[in-house]
Amino acid sequence: MPELDMREWTNIRNGESGDAVYRRNDATVFAKIAGADRKAALEGERDRLLWLEERGVACPRVIEWRDDEACLLTSAVEGVPASELSGDDLWKAWPSIVEALGTLHRLDTRTCPFDRGLATMLPNARDVVARDAVNPDFLSVADRAFDAKTLLALVETEAPLRLSEEAGHEVVCHGDATMPNVMIDPVGLDCTGFVDLGRMGTADPYVDFSLMLANAGEIWVSESQARNAFDRLFGDLGIDRPDRDRLAFYLRLDPLTWG
C-alpha cells in the first residue's frame, strides 16, 4: 500500500497521545499516524469509531486503515471545535453539546466492548507515574503544587469509594470530552459530533463531566456563565445532586493516565 503523498496533506497537530494528525488539503479527510509503540492504541481508536458508526453516533467515519504505516484515515466532522468559540457562542451551543453527550451516555453498555473504568485506568496511572511521564501542563492549576507521586497517592486513597460509585452506573463515555473534541456548526451553533474517540469506553459518567466542565471553564467570560453551564449540564441529564468531589477526583486522575 503506498504511503501518503505529503504534498496533499498538512500537519495540523501532534495529539496528547503523541500521534501525528494531518488534514488533507481538501479538508474532508484526516490522517492519524502512530509510532510502533502506539499502533495497538490507534487500532483501538479505529475499532471504537466503527462501533459508534454502527450505532449512529456523529463521529468520524473510518475510510481506510493502513496497517504497514499504522495510519488511520477518517472523514472530517463538519464544523469547528467548541474550543474556538467565544464564551457567548459556547453558551448558545451548550444545550446541544449536553444533548450529544447524553446520547452517547445512553448507549447500551452491555454491547460496548471497550473499557475506560477505574480497574483499567488506575493501573495505567500507576505505570505513567512510575515512569515519571506525567505532563505537568495537563494538571489543574491547583494540582501543579504537588508532585505526581503525591497526586497518585491522593487518587489511591479515594479509589475504593469511586469504585463503589462506578459499579453498576457505568455509561459509554467519550473519555476525553474536552472542547477541542466537540464539533460545532458555527452558524447554527449546534453540536455536529465528537472527534478523538480513542479513549471511548464504559466508565463513570463523571469522567466526561469533569473534563467537559473544567475545559469549558477556560472559555466562559463570567462566573455566571460557568454556574449556568454547570446547572444546565446536570439538570438536562437528570442529575439532581451533582457530586463536586467526584468531579475533582476524575479531573485529578486524568492527567496521570497520559504518557
Protein backbone atom coordinates (compact mmCIF):
# COMPACT_ATOMS: atom_id res chain seq x y z
CA MET A 1 0.00 0.00 0.00
CA PRO A 2 1.55 3.34 -0.96
CA GLU A 3 2.48 5.92 1.64
CA LEU A 4 0.62 9.21 1.88
CA ASP A 5 1.72 11.81 -0.64
CA MET A 6 2.58 14.52 1.88
CA ARG A 7 2.20 17.23 -0.75
CA GLU A 8 -1.55 16.68 -0.35
CA TRP A 9 -1.55 16.92 3.45
CA THR A 10 -0.89 19.48 6.18
CA ASN A 11 0.31 18.57 9.66
CA ILE A 12 -2.17 20.26 11.97
CA ARG A 13 -1.03 18.97 15.32
CA ASN A 14 0.55 16.24 17.36
CA GLY A 15 -2.03 14.94 19.80
CA GLU A 16 -1.64 14.41 23.53
CA SER A 17 -1.09 10.74 22.74
CA GLY A 18 1.89 11.58 20.54
CA ASP A 19 0.14 10.64 17.29
CA ALA A 20 0.68 12.98 14.34
CA VAL A 21 -2.52 14.35 12.79
CA TYR A 22 -2.75 15.53 9.17
CA ARG A 23 -5.55 17.18 7.22
CA ARG A 24 -5.90 16.59 3.50
CA ASN A 25 -5.80 19.82 1.55
CA ASP A 26 -9.48 19.49 0.58
CA ALA A 27 -10.31 19.41 4.34
CA THR A 28 -12.55 16.34 4.01
CA VAL A 29 -10.18 13.64 5.28
CA PHE A 30 -7.86 13.38 8.28
CA ALA A 31 -4.95 11.00 8.80
CA LYS A 32 -3.63 9.98 12.18
CA ILE A 33 -0.24 8.26 12.20
CA ALA A 34 1.14 6.42 15.21
CA GLY A 35 4.59 5.19 16.11
CA ALA A 36 5.23 1.49 16.60
CA ASP A 37 4.52 1.73 20.34
CA ARG A 38 1.13 3.34 19.66
CA LYS A 39 -0.09 1.08 16.85
CA ALA A 40 -2.36 -1.00 19.08
CA ALA A 41 -3.90 2.15 20.57
CA LEU A 42 -4.64 3.55 17.11
CA GLU A 43 -6.21 0.24 16.11
CA GLY A 44 -8.37 0.63 19.21
CA GLU A 45 -9.49 4.06 18.08
CA ARG A 46 -10.38 2.61 14.68
CA ASP A 47 -12.47 -0.11 16.30
CA ARG A 48 -14.24 2.40 18.55
CA LEU A 49 -15.19 4.55 15.56
CA LEU A 50 -16.56 1.54 13.72
CA TRP A 51 -18.61 0.55 16.78
CA LEU A 52 -20.01 4.07 17.17
CA GLU A 53 -20.80 4.37 13.47
CA GLU A 54 -22.94 1.24 13.69
CA ARG A 55 -24.97 3.00 16.39
CA GLY A 56 -25.49 6.22 14.52
CA VAL A 57 -23.26 8.39 16.70
CA ALA A 58 -21.98 11.50 14.91
CA CYS A 59 -18.25 10.94 14.73
CA PRO A 60 -15.51 10.49 12.10
CA ARG A 61 -16.18 7.68 9.63
CA VAL A 62 -13.35 5.21 9.07
CA ILE A 63 -12.23 5.43 5.45
CA GLU A 64 -9.13 3.29 5.50
CA TRP A 65 -6.68 1.59 7.83
CA ARG A 66 -3.09 1.29 6.64
CA ASP A 67 -1.52 -1.41 8.74
CA ASP A 68 2.02 -1.07 7.43
CA GLU A 69 2.10 2.65 8.31
CA ALA A 70 -0.14 2.48 11.41
CA CYS A 71 -2.23 5.16 9.71
CA LEU A 72 -5.94 5.75 10.24
CA LEU A 73 -7.84 7.75 7.62
CA THR A 74 -11.18 9.19 8.68
CA SER A 75 -13.77 11.61 7.36
CA ALA A 76 -13.99 15.11 8.76
CA VAL A 77 -16.82 16.07 11.09
CA GLU A 78 -18.34 19.32 9.89
CA GLY A 79 -17.97 22.43 11.99
CA VAL A 80 -15.34 24.00 14.22
CA PRO A 81 -14.03 22.81 17.59
CA ALA A 82 -16.00 24.21 20.51
CA SER A 83 -12.67 25.48 21.88
CA GLU A 84 -12.68 28.10 19.10
CA LEU A 85 -16.00 29.64 20.18
CA SER A 86 -16.42 32.76 22.25
CA GLY A 87 -17.91 32.34 25.70
CA ASP A 88 -21.25 33.67 24.49
CA ASP A 89 -21.36 31.34 21.48
CA LEU A 90 -20.31 28.37 23.60
CA TRP A 91 -23.24 29.12 25.91
CA LYS A 92 -25.61 29.11 22.92
CA ALA A 93 -24.14 25.76 21.80
CA TRP A 94 -24.09 24.27 25.31
CA PRO A 95 -27.58 22.66 25.29
CA SER A 96 -26.73 20.87 22.05
CA ILE A 97 -23.39 19.70 23.46
CA VAL A 98 -25.10 18.36 26.57
CA GLU A 99 -27.71 16.60 24.44
CA ALA A 100 -25.00 14.96 22.31
CA LEU A 101 -23.16 13.80 25.42
CA GLY A 102 -26.38 12.39 26.82
CA THR A 103 -26.97 10.47 23.60
CA LEU A 104 -23.52 8.92 23.91
CA HIS A 105 -24.03 8.10 27.59
CA ARG A 106 -27.34 6.37 26.85
CA LEU A 107 -25.80 3.79 24.53
CA ASP A 108 -26.15 0.22 25.76
CA THR A 109 -23.08 -0.56 27.87
CA ARG A 110 -23.82 -4.28 27.59
CA THR A 111 -22.85 -4.21 23.94
CA CYS A 112 -19.79 -1.99 24.39
CA PRO A 113 -16.53 -3.99 24.32
CA PHE A 114 -14.35 -1.04 25.37
CA ASP A 115 -13.43 -0.34 28.99
CA ARG A 116 -12.48 3.04 30.44
CA GLY A 117 -13.28 2.17 34.07
CA LEU A 118 -11.11 2.58 37.13
CA ALA A 119 -9.95 -1.05 37.05
CA THR A 120 -8.24 -0.15 33.78
CA MET A 121 -7.25 3.46 34.40
CA LEU A 122 -5.72 3.09 37.86
CA PRO A 123 -3.03 0.63 36.69
CA ASN A 124 -2.43 2.95 33.76
CA ALA A 125 -1.90 5.88 36.15
CA ARG A 126 0.48 3.84 38.30
CA ASP A 127 2.54 2.99 35.24
CA VAL A 128 2.68 6.60 33.97
CA VAL A 129 3.71 7.91 37.39
CA ALA A 130 6.30 5.15 37.86
CA ARG A 131 7.89 6.15 34.55
CA ASP A 132 7.86 9.82 35.60
CA ALA A 133 5.90 10.52 32.41
CA VAL A 134 3.19 12.86 33.73
CA ASN A 135 2.98 16.06 31.70
CA PRO A 136 2.59 18.92 34.23
CA ASP A 137 0.81 21.02 31.60
CA PHE A 138 -2.12 18.60 31.79
CA LEU A 139 -2.59 19.14 35.55
CA SER A 140 -5.11 21.54 37.01
CA VAL A 141 -3.62 24.74 38.40
CA ALA A 142 -4.22 23.54 41.96
CA ASP A 143 -2.58 20.17 41.37
CA ARG A 144 0.61 21.68 39.94
CA ALA A 145 1.67 22.35 43.53
CA PHE A 146 2.10 18.58 44.07
CA ASP A 147 4.43 16.01 42.58
CA ALA A 148 2.95 13.13 40.60
CA LYS A 149 3.52 10.53 43.33
CA THR A 150 1.60 12.65 45.83
CA LEU A 151 -1.26 13.10 43.38
CA LEU A 152 -1.37 9.36 42.74
CA ALA A 153 -1.46 8.70 46.49
CA LEU A 154 -4.44 11.05 46.83
CA VAL A 155 -6.18 9.21 43.99
CA GLU A 156 -5.45 5.82 45.54
CA THR A 157 -6.94 6.96 48.86
CA GLU A 158 -10.23 7.83 47.17
CA ALA A 159 -10.27 4.91 44.75
CA PRO A 160 -12.33 2.45 46.88
CA LEU A 161 -15.17 4.99 47.18
CA ARG A 162 -15.05 5.85 43.48
CA LEU A 163 -15.02 2.18 42.50
CA SER A 164 -18.17 1.62 44.57
CA GLU A 165 -19.86 4.60 42.89
CA GLU A 166 -18.87 3.36 39.45
CA ALA A 167 -20.22 -0.16 39.96
CA GLY A 168 -23.49 -0.58 38.14
CA HIS A 169 -23.61 3.05 37.00
CA GLU A 170 -21.23 2.97 34.04
CA VAL A 171 -22.12 4.68 30.78
CA VAL A 172 -20.41 4.82 27.40
CA CYS A 173 -18.01 7.73 27.94
CA HIS A 174 -16.11 9.76 25.37
CA GLY A 175 -13.08 9.57 27.65
CA ASP A 176 -11.59 12.90 26.56
CA ALA A 177 -14.64 15.17 26.42
CA THR A 178 -12.76 18.44 26.11
CA MET A 179 -13.86 21.33 23.93
CA PRO A 180 -11.37 20.65 21.08
CA ASN A 181 -13.06 17.26 20.66
CA VAL A 182 -16.59 18.67 20.33
CA MET A 183 -17.50 19.96 16.87
CA ILE A 184 -19.96 22.82 16.41
CA ASP A 185 -21.80 24.31 13.43
CA PRO A 186 -20.51 27.91 13.59
CA VAL A 187 -23.75 29.28 12.13
CA GLY A 188 -26.48 27.36 13.93
CA LEU A 189 -24.26 26.66 16.98
CA ASP A 190 -25.43 23.06 17.21
CA CYS A 191 -23.14 20.16 18.06
CA THR A 192 -22.27 18.22 14.90
CA GLY A 193 -20.37 15.37 16.57
CA PHE A 194 -17.34 14.24 18.53
CA VAL A 195 -13.76 13.57 17.45
CA ASP A 196 -10.68 11.93 19.01
CA LEU A 197 -12.50 8.94 20.46
CA GLY A 198 -9.52 6.74 21.21
CA ARG A 199 -10.40 6.70 24.92
CA MET A 200 -14.09 5.92 24.49
CA GLY A 201 -15.37 3.17 26.76
CA THR A 202 -17.58 2.27 29.70
CA ALA A 203 -16.90 4.32 32.82
CA ASP A 204 -18.40 6.56 35.46
CA PRO A 205 -20.12 9.46 33.63
CA TYR A 206 -18.14 11.86 35.83
CA VAL A 207 -15.12 11.01 33.68
CA ASP A 208 -16.72 13.12 30.95
CA PHE A 209 -18.38 15.67 33.21
CA SER A 210 -15.10 16.59 34.90
CA LEU A 211 -13.17 17.25 31.69
CA MET A 212 -16.04 18.99 29.93
CA LEU A 213 -16.69 21.43 32.76
CA ALA A 214 -13.03 22.13 33.50
CA ASN A 215 -12.12 22.72 29.87
CA ALA A 216 -15.18 24.85 29.13
CA GLY A 217 -14.31 26.84 32.23
CA GLU A 218 -11.36 28.30 30.33
CA ILE A 219 -13.77 29.84 27.80
CA TRP A 220 -16.60 31.30 29.86
CA VAL A 221 -16.46 35.08 30.18
CA SER A 222 -18.19 35.28 33.55
CA GLU A 223 -18.76 33.31 36.73
CA SER A 224 -22.48 33.30 35.99
CA GLN A 225 -21.90 31.52 32.66
CA ALA A 226 -19.86 28.84 34.43
CA ARG A 227 -22.56 28.36 37.09
CA ASN A 228 -25.32 28.24 34.49
CA ALA A 229 -23.38 25.73 32.38
CA PHE A 230 -22.86 23.52 35.44
CA ASP A 231 -26.59 23.66 36.27
CA ARG A 232 -27.62 23.08 32.66
CA LEU A 233 -25.35 20.04 32.27
CA PHE A 234 -26.65 18.21 35.31
CA GLY A 235 -30.22 19.48 35.01
CA ASP A 236 -30.61 18.35 31.41
CA LEU A 237 -29.12 14.96 32.24
CA GLY A 238 -31.46 14.48 35.19
CA ILE A 239 -28.82 14.52 37.95
CA ASP A 240 -30.32 16.27 40.98
CA ARG A 241 -27.29 16.32 43.26
CA PRO A 242 -24.02 16.78 41.35
CA ASP A 243 -21.01 15.48 43.28
CA ARG A 244 -18.19 18.03 43.16
CA ASP A 245 -15.78 15.71 44.98
CA ARG A 246 -16.34 13.10 42.30
CA LEU A 247 -15.64 15.72 39.62
CA ALA A 248 -12.40 16.67 41.36
CA PHE A 249 -11.30 13.03 41.61
CA TYR A 250 -11.62 12.35 37.89
CA LEU A 251 -10.07 15.68 36.98
CA ARG A 252 -7.05 14.73 39.10
CA LEU A 253 -6.84 11.19 37.72
CA ASP A 254 -6.98 12.04 34.03
CA PRO A 255 -3.56 13.77 33.67
CA LEU A 256 -1.93 10.79 35.38
CA THR A 257 -3.12 8.46 32.61
CA TRP A 258 -1.40 10.17 29.66
CA GLY A 259 2.15 9.15 28.88
